[in-house]
């Protein structure tokens, strides 16, 4: 079984590498409805069955704040600000999440998303942190670099 060191992870918005990423997470979930039937086969009697109706995904990217002109963080900030300021619900970014680096042949997650939250944390004895949450717009897929 292969294992990977977390320090190899990379986050990109389109082709722009996000600067100063501390960590990221991805959650894929499925909505279900009860599909239990009466008079089921003996092996299924008394057991609930579910049917998947839809799926969704969210990703969270935590960074040390970097105010450079083009660093991925700027693209995510602009995405959420345009959505709020201009009421553009359809502005999206293409999010690429690499577990094991972005070298040729490595697999990664890719999907279009709205940046749905931005939070910043400032402390007197630490670095400024910024976090982004992305909500998937459609499917997320596994691609190969």
C-alpha atoms as a PDB file:
ATOM      1  CA  UNK A   1       0.000   0.000   0.000  1.00  0.00           C
ATOM      2  CA  UNK A   2       1.381   3.388  -0.987  1.00  0.00           C
ATOM      3  CA  UNK A   3       1.433   6.318   1.400  1.00  0.00           C
ATOM      4  CA  UNK A   4       2.222   9.938   0.654  1.00  0.00           C
ATOM      5  CA  UNK A   5       3.728  12.764   2.645  1.00  0.00           C
ATOM      6  CA  UNK A   6       1.350  15.692   3.014  1.00  0.00           C
ATOM      7  CA  UNK A   7       4.044  18.210   2.105  1.00  0.00           C
ATOM      8  CA  UNK A   8       3.771  17.059  -1.538  1.00  0.00           C
ATOM      9  CA  UNK A   9       0.247  18.489  -1.895  1.00  0.00           C
ATOM     10  CA  UNK A  10      -0.483  21.280  -4.391  1.00  0.00           C
ATOM     11  CA  UNK A  11      -3.594  23.384  -4.984  1.00  0.00           C
ATOM     12  CA  UNK A  12      -4.207  25.177  -8.271  1.00  0.00           C
ATOM     13  CA  UNK A  13      -6.904  27.526  -9.500  1.00  0.00           C
ATOM     14  CA  UNK A  14      -6.889  26.731 -13.200  1.00  0.00           C
ATOM     15  CA  UNK A  15      -3.169  26.631 -13.977  1.00  0.00           C
ATOM     16  CA  UNK A  16      -2.174  29.064 -11.181  1.00  0.00           C
ATOM     17  CA  UNK A  17      -0.574  27.443  -8.135  1.00  0.00           C
ATOM     18  CA  UNK A  18      -2.068  28.756  -4.892  1.00  0.00           C
ATOM     19  CA  UNK A  19       0.637  30.320  -2.722  1.00  0.00           C
ATOM     20  CA  UNK A  20       1.395  29.457   0.895  1.00  0.00           C
ATOM     21  CA  UNK A  21      -1.030  26.511   1.237  1.00  0.00           C
ATOM     22  CA  UNK A  22      -0.887  24.980   4.727  1.00  0.00           C
ATOM     23  CA  UNK A  23      -3.404  22.230   4.073  1.00  0.00           C
ATOM     24  CA  UNK A  24      -6.532  21.363   2.164  1.00  0.00           C
ATOM     25  CA  UNK A  25      -9.418  18.975   2.533  1.00  0.00           C
ATOM     26  CA  UNK A  26     -12.001  17.537   0.178  1.00  0.00           C
ATOM     27  CA  UNK A  27     -15.362  16.098   1.142  1.00  0.00           C
ATOM     28  CA  UNK A  28     -17.574  14.247  -1.328  1.00  0.00           C
ATOM     29  CA  UNK A  29     -21.011  13.253  -0.104  1.00  0.00           C
ATOM     30  CA  UNK A  30     -24.144  11.602  -1.409  1.00  0.00           C
ATOM     31  CA  UNK A  31     -27.766  12.425  -0.627  1.00  0.00           C
ATOM     32  CA  UNK A  32     -29.928   9.371  -0.183  1.00  0.00           C
ATOM     33  CA  UNK A  33     -33.600   8.478   0.144  1.00  0.00           C
ATOM     34  CA  UNK A  34     -35.149   5.469   1.823  1.00  0.00           C
ATOM     35  CA  UNK A  35     -35.675   2.696  -0.745  1.00  0.00           C
ATOM     36  CA  UNK A  36     -36.859   0.005   1.678  1.00  0.00           C
ATOM     37  CA  UNK A  37     -39.619  -2.221   0.295  1.00  0.00           C
ATOM     38  CA  UNK A  38     -42.232  -4.381   1.909  1.00  0.00           C
ATOM     39  CA  UNK A  39     -42.003  -8.141   1.609  1.00  0.00           C
ATOM     40  CA  UNK A  40     -38.296  -8.023   0.705  1.00  0.00           C
ATOM     41  CA  UNK A  41     -36.192 -11.119   0.141  1.00  0.00           C
ATOM     42  CA  UNK A  42     -35.495 -13.010   3.373  1.00  0.00           C
ATOM     43  CA  UNK A  43     -31.921 -11.729   3.557  1.00  0.00           C
ATOM     44  CA  UNK A  44     -33.135  -8.098   3.354  1.00  0.00           C
ATOM     45  CA  UNK A  45     -36.118  -8.290   5.712  1.00  0.00           C
ATOM     46  CA  UNK A  46     -35.818  -5.818   8.536  1.00  0.00           C
ATOM     47  CA  UNK A  47     -32.984  -3.907   6.868  1.00  0.00           C
ATOM     48  CA  UNK A  48     -33.222  -0.411   5.452  1.00  0.00           C
ATOM     49  CA  UNK A  49     -32.101   0.200   1.871  1.00  0.00           C
ATOM     50  CA  UNK A  50     -31.070   3.566   0.465  1.00  0.00           C
ATOM     51  CA  UNK A  51     -30.885   4.995  -3.026  1.00  0.00           C
ATOM     52  CA  UNK A  52     -28.404   7.733  -3.941  1.00  0.00           C
ATOM     53  CA  UNK A  53     -30.232  10.697  -5.475  1.00  0.00           C
ATOM     54  CA  UNK A  54     -27.454  13.266  -5.881  1.00  0.00           C
ATOM     55  CA  UNK A  55     -23.857  13.934  -4.897  1.00  0.00           C
ATOM     56  CA  UNK A  56     -21.978  17.063  -3.868  1.00  0.00           C
ATOM     57  CA  UNK A  57     -18.494  18.131  -2.889  1.00  0.00           C
ATOM     58  CA  UNK A  58     -16.780  20.869  -0.950  1.00  0.00           C
ATOM     59  CA  UNK A  59     -13.121  21.709  -0.481  1.00  0.00           C
ATOM     60  CA  UNK A  60     -11.398  23.868   2.107  1.00  0.00           C
ATOM     61  CA  UNK A  61      -7.995  25.437   1.434  1.00  0.00           C
ATOM     62  CA  UNK A  62      -6.059  26.944   4.360  1.00  0.00           C
ATOM     63  CA  UNK A  63      -3.156  29.279   3.603  1.00  0.00           C
ATOM     64  CA  UNK A  64      -0.776  31.758   5.114  1.00  0.00           C
ATOM     65  CA  UNK A  65      -2.002  35.064   3.669  1.00  0.00           C
ATOM     66  CA  UNK A  66      -0.081  36.285   0.596  1.00  0.00           C
ATOM     67  CA  UNK A  67      -1.144  39.540  -1.089  1.00  0.00           C
ATOM     68  CA  UNK A  68       0.900  39.019  -4.273  1.00  0.00           C
ATOM     69  CA  UNK A  69      -0.830  40.046  -7.495  1.00  0.00           C
ATOM     70  CA  UNK A  70      -1.247  36.547  -8.921  1.00  0.00           C
ATOM     71  CA  UNK A  71      -0.960  33.635  -6.551  1.00  0.00           C
ATOM     72  CA  UNK A  72      -4.214  31.666  -6.626  1.00  0.00           C
ATOM     73  CA  UNK A  73      -5.346  33.274  -3.387  1.00  0.00           C
ATOM     74  CA  UNK A  74      -6.155  36.427  -5.357  1.00  0.00           C
ATOM     75  CA  UNK A  75      -8.258  34.456  -7.847  1.00  0.00           C
ATOM     76  CA  UNK A  76     -10.295  32.906  -5.019  1.00  0.00           C
ATOM     77  CA  UNK A  77     -10.743  36.299  -3.299  1.00  0.00           C
ATOM     78  CA  UNK A  78     -11.842  37.891  -6.566  1.00  0.00           C
ATOM     79  CA  UNK A  79     -14.263  35.035  -7.238  1.00  0.00           C
ATOM     80  CA  UNK A  80     -16.128  35.440  -3.969  1.00  0.00           C
ATOM     81  CA  UNK A  81     -16.060  39.253  -4.121  1.00  0.00           C
ATOM     82  CA  UNK A  82     -17.451  39.293  -7.671  1.00  0.00           C
ATOM     83  CA  UNK A  83     -20.165  36.878  -6.633  1.00  0.00           C
ATOM     84  CA  UNK A  84     -21.147  39.116  -3.704  1.00  0.00           C
ATOM     85  CA  UNK A  85     -20.619  42.563  -5.247  1.00  0.00           C
ATOM     86  CA  UNK A  86     -22.070  41.845  -8.655  1.00  0.00           C
ATOM     87  CA  UNK A  87     -24.517  39.126  -7.588  1.00  0.00           C
ATOM     88  CA  UNK A  88     -22.949  36.814 -10.169  1.00  0.00           C
ATOM     89  CA  UNK A  89     -23.983  33.420  -8.902  1.00  0.00           C
ATOM     90  CA  UNK A  90     -22.399  31.678 -11.880  1.00  0.00           C
ATOM     91  CA  UNK A  91     -18.798  32.835 -11.501  1.00  0.00           C
ATOM     92  CA  UNK A  92     -16.681  29.727 -10.998  1.00  0.00           C
ATOM     93  CA  UNK A  93     -13.067  28.672 -10.666  1.00  0.00           C
ATOM     94  CA  UNK A  94     -11.539  25.373 -11.739  1.00  0.00           C
ATOM     95  CA  UNK A  95     -10.053  23.822  -8.621  1.00  0.00           C
ATOM     96  CA  UNK A  96      -7.245  21.248  -8.877  1.00  0.00           C
ATOM     97  CA  UNK A  97      -6.226  19.359  -5.721  1.00  0.00           C
ATOM     98  CA  UNK A  98      -3.019  17.308  -5.911  1.00  0.00           C
ATOM     99  CA  UNK A  99      -2.349  14.859  -3.071  1.00  0.00           C
ATOM    100  CA  UNK A 100       1.089  13.802  -4.209  1.00  0.00           C
ATOM    101  CA  UNK A 101       2.419  16.737  -6.220  1.00  0.00           C
ATOM    102  CA  UNK A 102       1.684  17.905  -9.754  1.00  0.00           C
ATOM    103  CA  UNK A 103       4.383  15.941 -11.577  1.00  0.00           C
ATOM    104  CA  UNK A 104       3.536  14.163 -14.837  1.00  0.00           C
ATOM    105  CA  UNK A 105       1.652  10.930 -14.254  1.00  0.00           C
ATOM    106  CA  UNK A 106       0.292  11.921 -10.828  1.00  0.00           C
ATOM    107  CA  UNK A 107      -3.461  11.856 -10.258  1.00  0.00           C
ATOM    108  CA  UNK A 108      -5.447  14.769  -8.833  1.00  0.00           C
ATOM    109  CA  UNK A 109      -9.007  15.940  -8.216  1.00  0.00           C
ATOM    110  CA  UNK A 110     -10.486  18.535 -10.599  1.00  0.00           C
ATOM    111  CA  UNK A 111     -13.822  20.335 -10.575  1.00  0.00           C
ATOM    112  CA  UNK A 112     -15.518  23.675 -11.094  1.00  0.00           C
ATOM    113  CA  UNK A 113     -16.563  25.471  -7.916  1.00  0.00           C
ATOM    114  CA  UNK A 114     -17.920  28.643  -6.398  1.00  0.00           C
ATOM    115  CA  UNK A 115     -15.783  30.109  -3.639  1.00  0.00           C
ATOM    116  CA  UNK A 116     -18.480  30.287  -0.971  1.00  0.00           C
ATOM    117  CA  UNK A 117     -16.577  31.546   2.028  1.00  0.00           C
ATOM    118  CA  UNK A 118     -13.397  33.366   2.905  1.00  0.00           C
ATOM    119  CA  UNK A 119     -12.143  33.786   6.444  1.00  0.00           C
ATOM    120  CA  UNK A 120      -9.060  35.536   7.712  1.00  0.00           C
ATOM    121  CA  UNK A 121      -7.412  35.111  11.092  1.00  0.00           C
ATOM    122  CA  UNK A 122      -4.903  37.549  12.576  1.00  0.00           C
ATOM    123  CA  UNK A 123      -3.046  37.003  15.843  1.00  0.00           C
ATOM    124  CA  UNK A 124      -0.340  39.022  17.527  1.00  0.00           C
ATOM    125  CA  UNK A 125       1.962  36.041  17.917  1.00  0.00           C
ATOM    126  CA  UNK A 126       1.449  34.295  14.576  1.00  0.00           C
ATOM    127  CA  UNK A 127       1.108  34.661  10.846  1.00  0.00           C
ATOM    128  CA  UNK A 128      -2.020  35.901   9.100  1.00  0.00           C
ATOM    129  CA  UNK A 129      -4.109  32.924   7.947  1.00  0.00           C
ATOM    130  CA  UNK A 130      -6.712  32.901   5.198  1.00  0.00           C
ATOM    131  CA  UNK A 131      -9.131  30.065   4.468  1.00  0.00           C
ATOM    132  CA  UNK A 132     -11.348  29.450   1.472  1.00  0.00           C
ATOM    133  CA  UNK A 133     -14.279  27.087   1.084  1.00  0.00           C
ATOM    134  CA  UNK A 134     -15.277  25.985  -2.400  1.00  0.00           C
ATOM    135  CA  UNK A 135     -18.619  24.375  -3.237  1.00  0.00           C
ATOM    136  CA  UNK A 136     -18.587  22.144  -6.283  1.00  0.00           C
ATOM    137  CA  UNK A 137     -20.667  23.001  -9.308  1.00  0.00           C
ATOM    138  CA  UNK A 138     -21.246  19.636 -10.900  1.00  0.00           C
ATOM    139  CA  UNK A 139     -19.004  16.620 -10.702  1.00  0.00           C
ATOM    140  CA  UNK A 140     -15.452  16.351  -9.469  1.00  0.00           C
ATOM    141  CA  UNK A 141     -13.226  13.908 -11.293  1.00  0.00           C
ATOM    142  CA  UNK A 142      -9.874  12.221 -10.944  1.00  0.00           C
ATOM    143  CA  UNK A 143      -7.462  13.394 -13.641  1.00  0.00           C
ATOM    144  CA  UNK A 144      -3.822  12.615 -14.428  1.00  0.00           C
ATOM    145  CA  UNK A 145      -1.154  15.319 -14.716  1.00  0.00           C
END
